[in-house]
Protein backbone atom coordinates (compact mmCIF):
# COMPACT_ATOMS: atom_id res chain seq x y z
CA UNK A 1 0.00 0.00 0.00
CA UNK A 2 1.18 3.54 -0.69
CA UNK A 3 1.59 6.05 2.13
CA UNK A 4 -1.94 6.91 3.31
CA UNK A 5 -3.35 10.30 2.51
CA UNK A 6 -3.61 12.89 5.26
CA UNK A 7 -6.56 12.50 7.62
CA UNK A 8 -8.90 14.97 9.26
CA UNK A 9 -11.24 14.59 12.20
CA UNK A 10 -15.01 14.48 11.65
CA UNK A 11 -16.64 17.13 13.81
CA UNK A 12 -15.94 16.68 17.50
CA UNK A 13 -15.83 12.88 17.20
CA UNK A 14 -12.84 10.57 17.30
CA UNK A 15 -13.58 9.47 13.73
CA UNK A 16 -10.90 10.47 11.21
CA UNK A 17 -11.26 10.22 7.42
CA UNK A 18 -8.73 10.50 4.61
CA UNK A 19 -8.81 13.82 2.77
CA UNK A 20 -9.64 11.90 -0.40
CA UNK A 21 -12.57 9.52 -0.38
CA UNK A 22 -14.07 7.21 -2.99
CA UNK A 23 -17.77 7.76 -3.73
CA UNK A 24 -19.91 4.79 -4.62
CA UNK A 25 -22.55 6.15 -7.00
CA UNK A 26 -20.67 5.34 -10.25
CA UNK A 27 -19.84 1.87 -8.94
CA UNK A 28 -23.55 1.22 -8.55
CA UNK A 29 -23.92 1.29 -12.36
CA UNK A 30 -24.80 4.97 -12.63
CA UNK A 31 -25.38 5.79 -16.31
CA UNK A 32 -23.50 2.65 -17.44
CA UNK A 33 -23.20 -1.02 -16.56
CA UNK A 34 -19.79 -1.75 -15.06
CA UNK A 35 -18.36 -5.25 -15.26
CA UNK A 36 -18.08 -6.70 -11.77
CA UNK A 37 -14.34 -7.25 -12.13
CA UNK A 38 -13.80 -3.62 -13.10
CA UNK A 39 -15.84 -2.27 -10.21
CA UNK A 40 -14.09 -4.46 -7.66
CA UNK A 41 -10.68 -3.59 -9.09
CA UNK A 42 -11.45 0.11 -8.71
CA UNK A 43 -12.29 -0.27 -5.01
CA UNK A 44 -9.16 -2.38 -4.50
CA UNK A 45 -7.00 0.20 -6.31
CA UNK A 46 -8.34 2.96 -4.07
CA UNK A 47 -7.50 1.02 -0.93
CA UNK A 48 -4.02 0.14 -2.19
CA UNK A 49 -3.39 3.79 -3.15
CA UNK A 50 -4.04 4.93 0.40
CA UNK A 51 -7.60 6.19 0.03
CA UNK A 52 -9.02 5.57 3.48
CA UNK A 53 -12.67 6.59 3.23
CA UNK A 54 -15.42 4.95 1.19
CA UNK A 55 -18.93 6.33 0.73
CA UNK A 56 -21.98 4.48 -0.52
CA UNK A 57 -25.76 4.34 -0.17
CA UNK A 58 -28.57 1.79 -0.57
CA UNK A 59 -29.80 3.87 -3.51
CA UNK A 60 -26.68 3.27 -5.59
CA UNK A 61 -27.76 0.49 -7.90
CA UNK A 62 -30.44 -0.48 -5.37
CA UNK A 63 -27.83 -2.28 -3.32
CA UNK A 64 -25.17 -2.90 -5.98
CA UNK A 65 -22.60 -0.42 -4.61
CA UNK A 66 -22.83 -1.66 -1.03
CA UNK A 67 -22.38 -5.25 -2.20
CA UNK A 68 -19.33 -4.32 -4.29
CA UNK A 69 -17.62 -2.22 -1.62
CA UNK A 70 -18.28 -4.85 1.01
CA UNK A 71 -16.90 -7.63 -1.19
CA UNK A 72 -13.51 -5.89 -1.28
CA UNK A 73 -13.33 -4.12 2.06
CA UNK A 74 -14.45 -6.87 4.39
CA UNK A 75 -11.17 -8.66 3.62
CA UNK A 76 -9.16 -5.65 4.84
CA UNK A 77 -8.00 -4.57 8.28
CA UNK A 78 -11.12 -2.79 9.55
CA UNK A 79 -9.05 -0.22 11.41
CA UNK A 80 -7.36 0.88 8.18
CA UNK A 81 -10.38 2.60 6.61
CA UNK A 82 -13.69 4.28 7.35
CA UNK A 83 -16.95 3.90 5.50
CA UNK A 84 -20.16 5.87 5.31
CA UNK A 85 -23.56 4.88 4.07
CA UNK A 86 -26.95 6.49 4.09
CA UNK A 87 -30.48 6.12 5.42
CA UNK A 88 -33.84 7.33 4.17
CA UNK A 89 -34.33 4.90 1.30
CA UNK A 90 -35.40 1.37 2.14
CA UNK A 91 -34.94 -1.40 -0.41
CA UNK A 92 -37.90 -3.76 -0.79
CA UNK A 93 -38.13 -6.80 -3.10
CA UNK A 94 -39.80 -5.98 -6.42
CA UNK A 95 -40.11 -7.12 -10.01
CA UNK A 96 -40.21 -5.51 -13.45
CA UNK A 97 -41.58 -1.97 -13.69
CA UNK A 98 -41.97 -1.67 -9.92
CA UNK A 99 -38.19 -1.33 -9.56
CA UNK A 100 -37.95 2.04 -11.41
CA UNK A 101 -34.16 2.12 -11.82
CA UNK A 102 -33.90 5.70 -13.09
CA UNK A 103 -30.26 6.44 -13.94
CA UNK A 104 -29.05 3.09 -12.60
CA UNK A 105 -28.45 0.87 -15.61
CA UNK A 106 -28.55 -2.47 -13.81
CA UNK A 107 -29.89 -2.85 -10.30
CA UNK A 108 -30.62 -5.60 -7.85
CA UNK A 109 -34.26 -6.70 -7.66
CA UNK A 110 -35.44 -4.11 -5.16
CA UNK A 111 -37.53 -0.97 -5.31
CA UNK A 112 -36.76 2.16 -3.33
CA UNK A 113 -39.16 3.45 -0.67
CA UNK A 114 -38.41 6.82 0.91
CA UNK A 115 -38.79 6.58 4.69
CA UNK A 116 -37.10 8.79 7.28
CA UNK A 117 -38.87 7.39 10.33
CA UNK A 118 -37.11 5.97 13.38
CA UNK A 119 -38.03 2.36 12.60
CA UNK A 120 -37.02 2.67 8.94
CA UNK A 121 -33.61 4.08 9.84
CA UNK A 122 -32.92 1.25 12.26
CA UNK A 123 -33.91 -1.26 9.60
CA UNK A 124 -31.84 0.51 6.95
CA UNK A 125 -28.67 0.30 9.04
CA UNK A 126 -29.25 -3.39 9.67
CA UNK A 127 -29.88 -4.02 5.97
CA UNK A 128 -26.66 -2.21 5.06
CA UNK A 129 -24.70 -4.44 7.43
CA UNK A 130 -26.00 -7.47 5.52
CA UNK A 131 -25.29 -6.02 2.06
CA UNK A 132 -21.79 -5.03 3.12
CA UNK A 133 -21.15 -8.28 4.94
CA UNK A 134 -19.65 -6.15 7.70
CA UNK A 135 -20.62 -5.38 11.28
CA UNK A 136 -19.64 -1.73 11.54
CA UNK A 137 -20.50 1.51 9.76
CA UNK A 138 -18.47 4.56 10.77
CA UNK A 139 -20.67 7.38 9.45
CA UNK A 140 -24.41 7.30 8.76
CA UNK A 141 -25.94 10.09 6.66
CA UNK A 142 -29.60 11.00 6.18
CA UNK A 143 -29.95 10.98 2.41
CA UNK A 144 -31.47 13.64 0.13
CA UNK A 145 -33.83 15.51 2.43
CA UNK A 146 -33.96 18.43 0.00
CA UNK A 147 -36.27 20.30 -2.31
CA UNK A 148 -34.89 18.75 -5.49
CA UNK A 149 -35.96 15.27 -4.42
CA UNK A 150 -39.16 16.02 -2.50
CA UNK A 151 -40.53 19.24 -3.97
CA UNK A 152 -43.71 20.35 -2.22
CA UNK A 153 -43.33 17.44 0.23
CA UNK A 154 -39.99 18.75 1.48
CA UNK A 155 -41.34 20.26 4.72
CA UNK A 156 -43.09 17.00 5.63
CA UNK A 157 -39.95 14.96 4.86
CA UNK A 158 -37.79 17.35 6.88
CA UNK A 159 -40.13 17.00 9.87
CA UNK A 160 -40.09 13.23 9.48
CA UNK A 161 -36.30 13.21 9.46
CA UNK A 162 -35.98 15.52 12.47
CA UNK A 163 -38.47 13.49 14.50
CA UNK A 164 -37.42 10.03 13.31
CA UNK A 165 -34.06 9.70 11.55
CA UNK A 166 -32.10 12.12 13.72
CA UNK A 167 -33.10 10.55 17.07
CA UNK A 168 -32.44 7.07 15.67
CA UNK A 169 -28.92 7.97 14.55
CA UNK A 170 -28.21 9.85 17.78
CA UNK A 171 -29.20 6.74 19.71
CA UNK A 172 -26.91 4.56 17.62
CA UNK A 173 -24.07 7.01 18.14
CA UNK A 174 -24.58 7.09 21.92
CA UNK A 175 -24.50 3.30 21.93
CA UNK A 176 -21.18 3.35 20.08
CA UNK A 177 -22.62 1.57 17.06
CA UNK A 178 -21.82 4.50 14.74
CA UNK A 179 -18.99 7.00 15.22
CA UNK A 180 -20.50 10.02 13.43
CA UNK A 181 -23.87 11.05 12.00
CA UNK A 182 -25.02 13.64 9.49
CA UNK A 183 -26.85 14.32 6.27
CA UNK A 184 -26.04 14.00 2.58
CA UNK A 185 -27.69 16.57 0.29
CA UNK A 186 -27.13 18.65 -2.83
CA UNK A 187 -28.48 21.93 -1.44
CA UNK A 188 -27.23 24.52 1.04
CA UNK A 189 -30.68 25.60 2.28
CA UNK A 190 -31.65 22.26 3.85
CA UNK A 191 -28.17 21.98 5.34
CA UNK A 192 -28.66 25.29 7.14
CA UNK A 193 -32.08 24.16 8.31
CA UNK A 194 -30.67 20.91 9.71
CA UNK A 195 -27.84 22.79 11.41
CA UNK A 196 -30.39 24.95 13.21
CA UNK A 197 -32.53 22.01 14.29
CA UNK A 198 -30.27 19.00 14.93
CA UNK A 199 -26.95 18.13 16.56
CA UNK A 200 -24.97 16.46 13.76
CA UNK A 201 -21.29 15.73 13.17
CA UNK A 202 -20.94 16.11 9.41
CA UNK A 203 -22.64 17.22 6.24
CA UNK A 204 -21.98 15.63 2.87
CA UNK A 205 -22.51 18.52 0.48
CA UNK A 206 -22.46 17.50 -3.18
CA UNK A 207 -21.47 19.95 -5.89
CA UNK A 208 -22.15 23.16 -3.98
CA UNK A 209 -18.66 24.10 -2.81
CA UNK A 210 -16.17 24.01 -5.66
CA UNK A 211 -13.95 26.13 -7.87
CA UNK A 212 -17.10 27.17 -9.73
CA UNK A 213 -19.28 28.12 -6.79
CA UNK A 214 -18.67 28.74 -3.14
CA UNK A 215 -22.18 28.39 -1.75
CA UNK A 216 -22.60 28.39 2.00
CA UNK A 217 -19.92 30.91 2.93
CA UNK A 218 -22.48 33.36 4.29
CA UNK A 219 -24.30 31.10 6.74
CA UNK A 220 -23.53 27.39 6.51
CA UNK A 221 -19.77 27.46 7.07
CA UNK A 222 -20.06 29.94 9.96
CA UNK A 223 -22.59 27.55 11.54
CA UNK A 224 -20.07 24.74 11.12
CA UNK A 225 -17.40 26.82 12.82
CA UNK A 226 -19.71 27.72 15.70
CA UNK A 227 -21.07 24.21 16.22
CA UNK A 228 -17.97 22.22 15.31
CA UNK A 229 -19.34 20.01 12.55
CA UNK A 230 -17.44 18.96 9.43
CA UNK A 231 -18.11 18.59 5.72
CA UNK A 232 -17.53 15.80 3.26
CA UNK A 233 -17.44 17.60 -0.09
CA UNK A 234 -18.65 15.45 -2.98
CA UNK A 235 -18.64 16.29 -6.68
CA UNK A 236 -15.55 18.56 -6.75
CA UNK A 237 -15.31 18.15 -10.54
CA UNK A 238 -18.96 19.18 -11.03
CA UNK A 239 -19.64 15.89 -12.87
CA UNK A 240 -16.70 16.33 -15.22
CA UNK A 241 -16.03 19.82 -16.50
CA UNK A 242 -13.51 20.67 -13.76
CA UNK A 243 -11.63 17.45 -14.47
CA UNK A 244 -11.43 17.71 -18.26
CA UNK A 245 -11.89 21.41 -18.83
CA UNK A 246 -14.55 22.81 -21.15
CA UNK A 247 -14.02 20.20 -23.84
CA UNK A 248 -16.81 19.27 -26.28
CA UNK A 249 -19.41 17.23 -24.41
CA UNK A 250 -18.14 18.19 -20.93
CA UNK A 251 -20.91 18.06 -18.36
CA UNK A 252 -21.77 20.35 -15.48
CA UNK A 253 -24.07 18.87 -12.80
CA UNK A 254 -24.74 15.95 -15.19
CA UNK A 255 -26.04 18.24 -17.95
CA UNK A 256 -24.47 19.98 -20.92
CA UNK A 257 -22.53 22.96 -19.60
CA UNK A 258 -24.07 26.36 -20.25
CA UNK A 259 -22.11 29.03 -22.19
CA UNK A 260 -21.63 30.94 -18.93
CA UNK A 261 -20.11 27.92 -17.20
CA UNK A 262 -17.91 27.15 -20.22
CA UNK A 263 -16.59 30.71 -20.19
CA UNK A 264 -15.79 30.65 -16.48
CA UNK A 265 -14.11 27.24 -16.68
CA UNK A 266 -11.98 28.44 -19.59
CA UNK A 267 -10.88 31.47 -17.59
CA UNK A 268 -10.02 29.33 -14.54
CA UNK A 269 -8.15 26.86 -16.75
CA UNK A 270 -6.15 29.70 -18.28
CA UNK A 271 -5.01 30.84 -14.83
CA UNK A 272 -4.07 27.26 -13.94
CA UNK A 273 -2.08 26.95 -17.19
CA UNK A 274 -0.15 30.13 -16.40
CA UNK A 275 0.93 28.50 -13.15
CA UNK A 276 1.66 25.08 -14.70
CA UNK A 277 -1.08 23.47 -12.64
CA UNK A 278 -3.70 20.99 -13.87
CA UNK A 279 -7.22 22.35 -13.57
CA UNK A 280 -8.23 19.09 -11.89
CA UNK A 281 -5.58 19.55 -9.18
CA UNK A 282 -6.96 22.96 -8.28
CA UNK A 283 -10.50 21.56 -8.29
CA UNK A 284 -9.78 18.61 -6.02
CA UNK A 285 -7.64 20.55 -3.52
CA UNK A 286 -9.64 23.78 -3.31
CA UNK A 287 -12.37 22.59 -0.87
CA UNK A 288 -9.70 21.54 1.64
CA UNK A 289 -8.82 25.19 2.18
CA UNK A 290 -11.83 25.12 4.47
CA UNK A 291 -10.65 23.69 7.77
CA UNK A 292 -14.16 22.35 8.43
CA UNK A 293 -13.86 20.16 5.30
CA UNK A 294 -12.72 16.70 6.37
CA UNK A 295 -12.68 14.94 2.99
CA UNK A 296 -13.23 15.46 -0.72
CA UNK A 297 -15.15 12.49 -2.12
CA UNK A 298 -14.80 11.69 -5.82
CA UNK A 299 -16.26 9.00 -8.00
CA UNK A 300 -14.24 6.64 -10.19
CA UNK A 301 -14.92 3.69 -12.46
CA UNK A 302 -11.35 2.85 -13.55
CA UNK A 303 -8.20 2.13 -11.59
CA UNK A 304 -6.26 4.80 -13.47
CA UNK A 305 -8.74 7.43 -12.23
CA UNK A 306 -7.83 6.49 -8.67
CA UNK A 307 -4.14 6.95 -9.43
CA UNK A 308 -4.82 10.31 -11.09
CA UNK A 309 -6.82 11.62 -8.13
CA UNK A 310 -4.15 10.64 -5.62
CA UNK A 311 -1.51 12.35 -7.79
CA UNK A 312 -3.70 15.47 -8.00
CA UNK A 313 -3.89 15.59 -4.20
CA UNK A 314 -0.08 15.46 -4.09
CA UNK A 315 0.44 18.24 -6.65
CA UNK A 316 2.24 21.35 -5.39
CA UNK A 317 -0.02 24.29 -6.24
CA UNK A 318 1.63 27.72 -5.99
CA UNK A 319 -0.05 30.26 -3.71
CA UNK A 320 0.03 32.76 -6.57
CA UNK A 321 -2.52 30.67 -8.48
CA UNK A 322 -5.14 31.10 -5.78
CA UNK A 323 -4.32 34.78 -5.45
CA UNK A 324 -4.78 35.33 -9.19
CA UNK A 325 -8.11 33.48 -9.21
CA UNK A 326 -9.35 35.81 -6.49
CA UNK A 327 -7.93 38.90 -8.18
CA UNK A 328 -9.72 37.96 -11.42
CA UNK A 329 -13.00 37.50 -9.58
CA UNK A 330 -13.04 33.76 -10.29
CA UNK A 331 -12.97 32.84 -6.59
CA UNK A 332 -14.68 34.66 -3.77
CA UNK A 333 -12.27 36.80 -1.78
CA UNK A 334 -13.57 35.34 1.48
CA UNK A 335 -12.97 31.73 0.39
CA UNK A 336 -10.23 30.07 2.52
CA UNK A 337 -7.37 28.81 0.37
CA UNK A 338 -5.43 25.53 0.57
CA UNK A 339 -1.86 25.45 1.86
CA UNK A 340 0.32 22.72 0.44
CA UNK A 341 -0.51 19.30 -1.02
CA UNK A 342 -2.59 16.72 0.84
CA UNK A 343 -0.87 13.45 -0.04
């Protein structure tokens, strides 16, 4: 195994995660069917490269990702890595059209039922143990309690989570079953609302704090500083465009990039080029300038992508690059900046 990546503490807990994590959505057959051997090799490559945190959810392939991660990781020294999974979606046996796979191109034979109640969360954790083939989960996250997923039912789902999911996870944490608890969402607004209504250790925020946008600096990050919770930042490449640059077909939030986004990415890439720095290195390291960010979680479907991401974390980025991005108005002036490489 290579030298492990640097680690940061999650909130006020004793749980520490590597600054680079592997996200499980792509390995659950998101948008494409992955051969089993390829998926397992990718998880193995991450572990061997020193990636020490692995994130998954029942939703990812309706159980596929948890099965794949568990297949590899249960053979490893359990003290050498941390894993997170999510609650709020129960998997129930189903057939044919009842499964509704959405963007998952091959799933297990289960349908998803949203349920943030106390009993459902307890069952979800138990089910994840079985899919993983493991008897410990380090971090449990309440999944997708946001407007994008629930629309006009958001307020009811939020109340359900506050009254059911949060107490369930707090009980499991007090019992020592889980080390840290939190939420996983794609929106800043619900994160602020949870922070004002629940005592949580970490927030997985996907796609909202990146080189392209620094949402949450006004209220969410100050709340984290005051309360002592951490962030797991997912989607640092914004689904691709900050990894490849504004090349033809590059996506932004899983859609074709708008002209405005293409222009901004091109300007950021030009600054990076002037400082002999890969755009992707700036993108993957930038969130770690925030001391409340514990880990940056990226997806991967090939072993070489793992190697690239570890190398990007080790890249020496000159301070002048960040200063120029701020001077050009491409980064907010109040955004904390990284200091040194993280591998």
